[in-house]
Amino acid sequence: MEITKNTKIGELLEVAPEKAELLLEAGMHCLGCPASRGESLEEACEVHGINVDELLERLNA
Protein backbone atom coordinates (compact mmCIF):
# COMPACT_ATOMS: atom_id res chain seq x y z
CA MET A 1 0.00 0.00 0.00
CA GLU A 2 1.34 3.42 -0.94
CA ILE A 3 0.57 5.94 1.78
CA THR A 4 -0.50 9.36 0.49
CA LYS A 5 -1.71 12.64 1.97
CA ASN A 6 -5.27 11.40 1.42
CA THR A 7 -4.82 8.10 3.26
CA LYS A 8 -7.19 7.95 6.23
CA ILE A 9 -5.54 7.30 9.60
CA GLY A 10 -7.97 4.45 10.31
CA GLU A 11 -7.26 2.80 6.97
CA LEU A 12 -3.52 3.08 7.51
CA LEU A 13 -3.72 1.53 10.98
CA GLU A 14 -5.92 -1.33 9.74
CA VAL A 15 -3.60 -2.22 6.87
CA ALA A 16 -0.27 -1.45 8.56
CA PRO A 17 -0.65 -1.29 12.35
CA GLU A 18 3.14 -1.24 12.74
CA LYS A 19 3.10 2.32 11.33
CA ALA A 20 1.43 3.54 14.53
CA GLU A 21 4.86 3.81 16.14
CA LEU A 22 6.01 6.31 13.49
CA LEU A 23 2.83 8.35 13.93
CA LEU A 24 3.31 8.44 17.69
CA GLU A 25 6.96 9.44 17.31
CA ALA A 26 5.87 12.29 15.03
CA GLY A 27 3.52 13.62 17.72
CA MET A 28 0.16 12.09 16.86
CA HIS A 29 -0.82 10.83 20.29
CA CYS A 30 -4.54 10.61 19.61
CA LEU A 31 -4.60 7.53 17.39
CA GLY A 32 -7.30 5.90 19.49
CA CYS A 33 -9.64 8.85 19.14
CA PRO A 34 -12.61 7.94 16.90
CA ALA A 35 -12.43 11.30 15.12
CA SER A 36 -8.76 10.86 14.19
CA ARG A 37 -9.45 7.58 12.41
CA GLY A 38 -11.57 9.41 9.82
CA GLU A 39 -9.00 12.14 9.18
CA SER A 40 -6.61 12.04 6.26
CA LEU A 41 -2.93 11.99 7.01
CA GLU A 42 -2.69 15.55 5.69
CA GLU A 43 -5.51 16.79 7.96
CA ALA A 44 -3.95 15.14 11.01
CA CYS A 45 -0.55 16.65 10.22
CA GLU A 46 -2.08 20.12 9.91
CA VAL A 47 -3.74 19.80 13.31
CA HIS A 48 -0.53 18.61 14.96
CA GLY A 49 1.89 20.95 13.18
CA ILE A 50 3.71 18.09 11.47
CA ASN A 51 5.32 18.32 8.03
CA VAL A 52 3.24 15.85 6.01
CA ASP A 53 5.88 15.34 3.31
CA GLU A 54 8.55 14.37 5.83
CA LEU A 55 6.17 11.98 7.57
CA LEU A 56 5.15 10.41 4.25
CA GLU A 57 8.81 9.72 3.45
CA ARG A 58 9.20 7.87 6.74
CA LEU A 59 5.93 5.98 6.39
CA ASN A 60 6.67 4.83 2.84
CA ALA A 61 10.35 3.93 3.48
PDB file of N, CA and C in Angstrom:
ATOM      1  N   MET A   1       0.842  -1.185   0.000  1.00  0.00           N
ATOM      2  CA  MET A   1       0.000   0.000   0.000  1.00  0.00           C
ATOM      3  C   MET A   1       0.885   1.246   0.000  1.00  0.00           C
ATOM      4  N   GLU A   2       0.644   2.138  -0.949  1.00  0.00           N
ATOM      5  CA  GLU A   2       1.339   3.422  -0.935  1.00  0.00           C
ATOM      6  C   GLU A   2       0.540   4.382  -0.060  1.00  0.00           C
ATOM      7  N   ILE A   3       1.205   4.989   0.872  1.00  0.00           N
ATOM      8  CA  ILE A   3       0.569   5.937   1.781  1.00  0.00           C
ATOM      9  C   ILE A   3       0.679   7.328   1.173  1.00  0.00           C
ATOM     10  N   THR A   4      -0.468   8.019   1.081  1.00  0.00           N
ATOM     11  CA  THR A   4      -0.505   9.356   0.494  1.00  0.00           C
ATOM     12  C   THR A   4      -1.086  10.337   1.501  1.00  0.00           C
ATOM     13  N   LYS A   5      -1.117  11.604   1.121  1.00  0.00           N
ATOM     14  CA  LYS A   5      -1.708  12.641   1.973  1.00  0.00           C
ATOM     15  C   LYS A   5      -3.181  12.369   2.229  1.00  0.00           C
ATOM     16  N   ASN A   6      -3.837  11.661   1.310  1.00  0.00           N
ATOM     17  CA  ASN A   6      -5.269  11.405   1.425  1.00  0.00           C
ATOM     18  C   ASN A   6      -5.600  10.118   2.167  1.00  0.00           C
ATOM     19  N   THR A   7      -4.586   9.342   2.527  1.00  0.00           N
ATOM     20  CA  THR A   7      -4.824   8.102   3.260  1.00  0.00           C
ATOM     21  C   THR A   7      -5.440   8.429   4.615  1.00  0.00           C
ATOM     22  N   LYS A   8      -6.528   7.757   4.938  1.00  0.00           N
ATOM     23  CA  LYS A   8      -7.187   7.949   6.228  1.00  0.00           C
ATOM     24  C   LYS A   8      -6.373   7.236   7.313  1.00  0.00           C
ATOM     25  N   ILE A   9      -6.293   7.865   8.474  1.00  0.00           N
ATOM     26  CA  ILE A   9      -5.536   7.298   9.600  1.00  0.00           C
ATOM     27  C   ILE A   9      -6.065   5.903   9.945  1.00  0.00           C
ATOM     28  N   GLY A  10      -7.375   5.754   9.989  1.00  0.00           N
ATOM     29  CA  GLY A  10      -7.972   4.454  10.311  1.00  0.00           C
ATOM     30  C   GLY A  10      -7.600   3.386   9.310  1.00  0.00           C
ATOM     31  N   GLU A  11      -7.633   3.742   8.023  1.00  0.00           N
ATOM     32  CA  GLU A  11      -7.265   2.801   6.969  1.00  0.00           C
ATOM     33  C   GLU A  11      -5.798   2.387   7.105  1.00  0.00           C
ATOM     34  N   LEU A  12      -4.940   3.354   7.350  1.00  0.00           N
ATOM     35  CA  LEU A  12      -3.518   3.080   7.513  1.00  0.00           C
ATOM     36  C   LEU A  12      -3.282   2.115   8.670  1.00  0.00           C
ATOM     37  N   LEU A  13      -3.928   2.368   9.798  1.00  0.00           N
ATOM     38  CA  LEU A  13      -3.717   1.531  10.981  1.00  0.00           C
ATOM     39  C   LEU A  13      -4.301   0.133  10.813  1.00  0.00           C
ATOM     40  N   GLU A  14      -5.361  -0.005  10.001  1.00  0.00           N
ATOM     41  CA  GLU A  14      -5.925  -1.335   9.738  1.00  0.00           C
ATOM     42  C   GLU A  14      -4.996  -2.157   8.858  1.00  0.00           C
ATOM     43  N   VAL A  15      -4.435  -1.524   7.837  1.00  0.00           N
ATOM     44  CA  VAL A  15      -3.598  -2.221   6.867  1.00  0.00           C
ATOM     45  C   VAL A  15      -2.170  -2.413   7.382  1.00  0.00           C
ATOM     46  N   ALA A  16      -1.653  -1.412   8.097  1.00  0.00           N
ATOM     47  CA  ALA A  16      -0.265  -1.454   8.558  1.00  0.00           C
ATOM     48  C   ALA A  16      -0.169  -0.955   9.997  1.00  0.00           C
ATOM     49  N   PRO A  17      -0.654  -1.739  10.953  1.00  0.00           N
ATOM     50  CA  PRO A  17      -0.652  -1.293  12.354  1.00  0.00           C
ATOM     51  C   PRO A  17       0.734  -0.962  12.895  1.00  0.00           C
ATOM     52  N   GLU A  18       1.778  -1.534  12.295  1.00  0.00           N
ATOM     53  CA  GLU A  18       3.141  -1.243  12.743  1.00  0.00           C
ATOM     54  C   GLU A  18       3.542   0.202  12.491  1.00  0.00           C
ATOM     55  N   LYS A  19       2.808   0.914  11.623  1.00  0.00           N
ATOM     56  CA  LYS A  19       3.104   2.322  11.325  1.00  0.00           C
ATOM     57  C   LYS A  19       2.674   3.247  12.459  1.00  0.00           C
ATOM     58  N   ALA A  20       1.884   2.727  13.397  1.00  0.00           N
ATOM     59  CA  ALA A  20       1.426   3.540  14.529  1.00  0.00           C
ATOM     60  C   ALA A  20       2.614   4.109  15.297  1.00  0.00           C
ATOM     61  N   GLU A  21       3.681   3.345  15.415  1.00  0.00           N
ATOM     62  CA  GLU A  21       4.860   3.809  16.144  1.00  0.00           C
ATOM     63  C   GLU A  21       5.435   5.080  15.509  1.00  0.00           C
ATOM     64  N   LEU A  22       5.494   5.123  14.174  1.00  0.00           N
ATOM     65  CA  LEU A  22       6.009   6.311  13.490  1.00  0.00           C
ATOM     66  C   LEU A  22       5.086   7.510  13.698  1.00  0.00           C
ATOM     67  N   LEU A  23       3.782   7.266  13.695  1.00  0.00           N
ATOM     68  CA  LEU A  23       2.832   8.352  13.927  1.00  0.00           C
ATOM     69  C   LEU A  23       2.975   8.900  15.346  1.00  0.00           C
ATOM     70  N   LEU A  24       3.130   8.011  16.303  1.00  0.00           N
ATOM     71  CA  LEU A  24       3.310   8.440  17.689  1.00  0.00           C
ATOM     72  C   LEU A  24       4.607   9.212  17.863  1.00  0.00           C
ATOM     73  N   GLU A  25       5.671   8.736  17.235  1.00  0.00           N
ATOM     74  CA  GLU A  25       6.961   9.437  17.307  1.00  0.00           C
ATOM     75  C   GLU A  25       6.874  10.839  16.712  1.00  0.00           C
ATOM     76  N   ALA A  26       6.024  10.994  15.689  1.00  0.00           N
ATOM     77  CA  ALA A  26       5.871  12.293  15.028  1.00  0.00           C
ATOM     78  C   ALA A  26       5.044  13.261  15.861  1.00  0.00           C
ATOM     79  N   GLY A  27       4.308  12.749  16.865  1.00  0.00           N
ATOM     80  CA  GLY A  27       3.525  13.622  17.723  1.00  0.00           C
ATOM     81  C   GLY A  27       2.029  13.421  17.649  1.00  0.00           C
ATOM     82  N   MET A  28       1.593  12.391  16.941  1.00  0.00           N
ATOM     83  CA  MET A  28       0.157  12.086  16.865  1.00  0.00           C
ATOM     84  C   MET A  28      -0.186  11.108  17.980  1.00  0.00           C
ATOM     85  N   HIS A  29      -0.547  11.660  19.120  1.00  0.00           N
ATOM     86  CA  HIS A  29      -0.817  10.834  20.291  1.00  0.00           C
ATOM     87  C   HIS A  29      -2.296  10.521  20.480  1.00  0.00           C
ATOM     88  N   CYS A  30      -3.101  10.822  19.478  1.00  0.00           N
ATOM     89  CA  CYS A  30      -4.544  10.612  19.608  1.00  0.00           C
ATOM     90  C   CYS A  30      -5.039   9.549  18.635  1.00  0.00           C
ATOM     91  N   LEU A  31      -4.235   8.540  18.374  1.00  0.00           N
ATOM     92  CA  LEU A  31      -4.597   7.528  17.387  1.00  0.00           C
ATOM     93  C   LEU A  31      -5.823   6.728  17.782  1.00  0.00           C
ATOM     94  N   GLY A  32      -6.125   6.639  19.045  1.00  0.00           N
ATOM     95  CA  GLY A  32      -7.300   5.899  19.495  1.00  0.00           C
ATOM     96  C   GLY A  32      -8.580   6.701  19.429  1.00  0.00           C
ATOM     97  N   CYS A  33      -8.465   7.981  19.196  1.00  0.00           N
ATOM     98  CA  CYS A  33      -9.645   8.847  19.135  1.00  0.00           C
ATOM     99  C   CYS A  33     -10.470   8.508  17.897  1.00  0.00           C
ATOM    100  N   PRO A  34     -11.766   8.276  18.059  1.00  0.00           N
ATOM    101  CA  PRO A  34     -12.605   7.937  16.898  1.00  0.00           C
ATOM    102  C   PRO A  34     -12.552   8.991  15.788  1.00  0.00           C
ATOM    103  N   ALA A  35     -12.457  10.244  16.133  1.00  0.00           N
ATOM    104  CA  ALA A  35     -12.427  11.302  15.119  1.00  0.00           C
ATOM    105  C   ALA A  35     -11.151  11.223  14.286  1.00  0.00           C
ATOM    106  N   SER A  36     -10.037  10.889  14.912  1.00  0.00           N
ATOM    107  CA  SER A  36      -8.760  10.857  14.189  1.00  0.00           C
ATOM    108  C   SER A  36      -8.746   9.759  13.135  1.00  0.00           C
ATOM    109  N   ARG A  37      -9.460   8.696  13.354  1.00  0.00           N
ATOM    110  CA  ARG A  37      -9.453   7.578  12.412  1.00  0.00           C
ATOM    111  C   ARG A  37     -10.081   7.957  11.077  1.00  0.00           C
ATOM    112  N   GLY A  38     -10.940   8.970  11.055  1.00  0.00           N
ATOM    113  CA  GLY A  38     -11.571   9.409   9.818  1.00  0.00           C
ATOM    114  C   GLY A  38     -10.828  10.535   9.131  1.00  0.00           C
ATOM    115  N   GLU A  39      -9.779  11.044   9.765  1.00  0.00           N
ATOM    116  CA  GLU A  39      -9.000  12.135   9.184  1.00  0.00           C
ATOM    117  C   GLU A  39      -7.993  11.589   8.182  1.00  0.00           C
ATOM    118  N   SER A  40      -7.699  12.404   7.169  1.00  0.00           N
ATOM    119  CA  SER A  40      -6.614  12.040   6.262  1.00  0.00           C
ATOM    120  C   SER A  40      -5.292  12.330   6.965  1.00  0.00           C
ATOM    121  N   LEU A  41      -4.249  11.746   6.444  1.00  0.00           N
ATOM    122  CA  LEU A  41      -2.929  11.993   7.011  1.00  0.00           C
ATOM    123  C   LEU A  41      -2.602  13.485   6.940  1.00  0.00           C
ATOM    124  N   GLU A  42      -2.957  14.115   5.839  1.00  0.00           N
ATOM    125  CA  GLU A  42      -2.685  15.545   5.692  1.00  0.00           C
ATOM    126  C   GLU A  42      -3.440  16.375   6.729  1.00  0.00           C
ATOM    127  N   GLU A  43      -4.717  16.053   6.962  1.00  0.00           N
ATOM    128  CA  GLU A  43      -5.508  16.786   7.961  1.00  0.00           C
ATOM    129  C   GLU A  43      -4.910  16.627   9.354  1.00  0.00           C
ATOM    130  N   ALA A  44      -4.518  15.402   9.687  1.00  0.00           N
ATOM    131  CA  ALA A  44      -3.948  15.138  11.009  1.00  0.00           C
ATOM    132  C   ALA A  44      -2.625  15.884  11.183  1.00  0.00           C
ATOM    133  N   CYS A  45      -1.825  15.931  10.139  1.00  0.00           N
ATOM    134  CA  CYS A  45      -0.548  16.646  10.216  1.00  0.00           C
ATOM    135  C   CYS A  45      -0.776  18.142  10.422  1.00  0.00           C
ATOM    136  N   GLU A  46      -1.772  18.695   9.743  1.00  0.00           N
ATOM    137  CA  GLU A  46      -2.079  20.121   9.906  1.00  0.00           C
ATOM    138  C   GLU A  46      -2.455  20.429  11.344  1.00  0.00           C
ATOM    139  N   VAL A  47      -3.287  19.594  11.933  1.00  0.00           N
ATOM    140  CA  VAL A  47      -3.745  19.801  13.306  1.00  0.00           C
ATOM    141  C   VAL A  47      -2.590  19.727  14.298  1.00  0.00           C
ATOM    142  N   HIS A  48      -1.630  18.840  14.019  1.00  0.00           N
ATOM    143  CA  HIS A  48      -0.526  18.609  14.957  1.00  0.00           C
ATOM    144  C   HIS A  48       0.746  19.375  14.608  1.00  0.00           C
ATOM    145  N   GLY A  49       0.708  20.175  13.553  1.00  0.00           N
ATOM    146  CA  GLY A  49       1.887  20.950  13.178  1.00  0.00           C
ATOM    147  C   GLY A  49       3.042  20.097  12.686  1.00  0.00           C
ATOM    148  N   ILE A  50       2.712  19.032  11.967  1.00  0.00           N
ATOM    149  CA  ILE A  50       3.714  18.092  11.469  1.00  0.00           C
ATOM    150  C   ILE A  50       3.851  18.275   9.963  1.00  0.00           C
ATOM    151  N   ASN A  51       5.077  18.227   9.461  1.00  0.00           N
ATOM    152  CA  ASN A  51       5.319  18.322   8.026  1.00  0.00           C
ATOM    153  C   ASN A  51       4.881  17.007   7.377  1.00  0.00           C
ATOM    154  N   VAL A  52       3.817  17.062   6.588  1.00  0.00           N
ATOM    155  CA  VAL A  52       3.244  15.850   6.005  1.00  0.00           C
ATOM    156  C   VAL A  52       4.196  15.174   5.034  1.00  0.00           C
ATOM    157  N   ASP A  53       4.959  15.941   4.278  1.00  0.00           N
ATOM    158  CA  ASP A  53       5.878  15.337   3.306  1.00  0.00           C
ATOM    159  C   ASP A  53       6.984  14.549   3.991  1.00  0.00           C
ATOM    160  N   GLU A  54       7.511  15.085   5.084  1.00  0.00           N
ATOM    161  CA  GLU A  54       8.552  14.367   5.830  1.00  0.00           C
ATOM    162  C   GLU A  54       7.995  13.076   6.439  1.00  0.00           C
ATOM    163  N   LEU A  55       6.783  13.156   6.973  1.00  0.00           N
ATOM    164  CA  LEU A  55       6.173  11.976   7.570  1.00  0.00           C
ATOM    165  C   LEU A  55       5.886  10.932   6.502  1.00  0.00           C
ATOM    166  N   LEU A  56       5.418  11.355   5.338  1.00  0.00           N
ATOM    167  CA  LEU A  56       5.154  10.415   4.248  1.00  0.00           C
ATOM    168  C   LEU A  56       6.419   9.672   3.828  1.00  0.00           C
ATOM    169  N   GLU A  57       7.534  10.372   3.790  1.00  0.00           N
ATOM    170  CA  GLU A  57       8.811   9.719   3.455  1.00  0.00           C
ATOM    171  C   GLU A  57       9.109   8.599   4.432  1.00  0.00           C
ATOM    172  N   ARG A  58       8.924   8.884   5.702  1.00  0.00           N
ATOM    173  CA  ARG A  58       9.200   7.874   6.742  1.00  0.00           C
ATOM    174  C   ARG A  58       8.222   6.719   6.667  1.00  0.00           C
ATOM    175  N   LEU A  59       6.942   7.024   6.436  1.00  0.00           N
ATOM    176  CA  LEU A  59       5.929   5.977   6.389  1.00  0.00           C
ATOM    177  C   LEU A  59       6.099   5.064   5.176  1.00  0.00           C
ATOM    178  N   ASN A  60       6.529   5.616   4.063  1.00  0.00           N
ATOM    179  CA  ASN A  60       6.673   4.828   2.838  1.00  0.00           C
ATOM    180  C   ASN A  60       8.053   4.204   2.666  1.00  0.00           C
ATOM    181  N   ALA A  61       8.972   4.493   3.600  1.00  0.00           N
ATOM    182  CA  ALA A  61      10.346   3.929   3.479  1.00  0.00           C
ATOM    183  C   ALA A  61      10.337   2.432   3.722  1.00  0.00           C
TER     184      ALA A  61
END
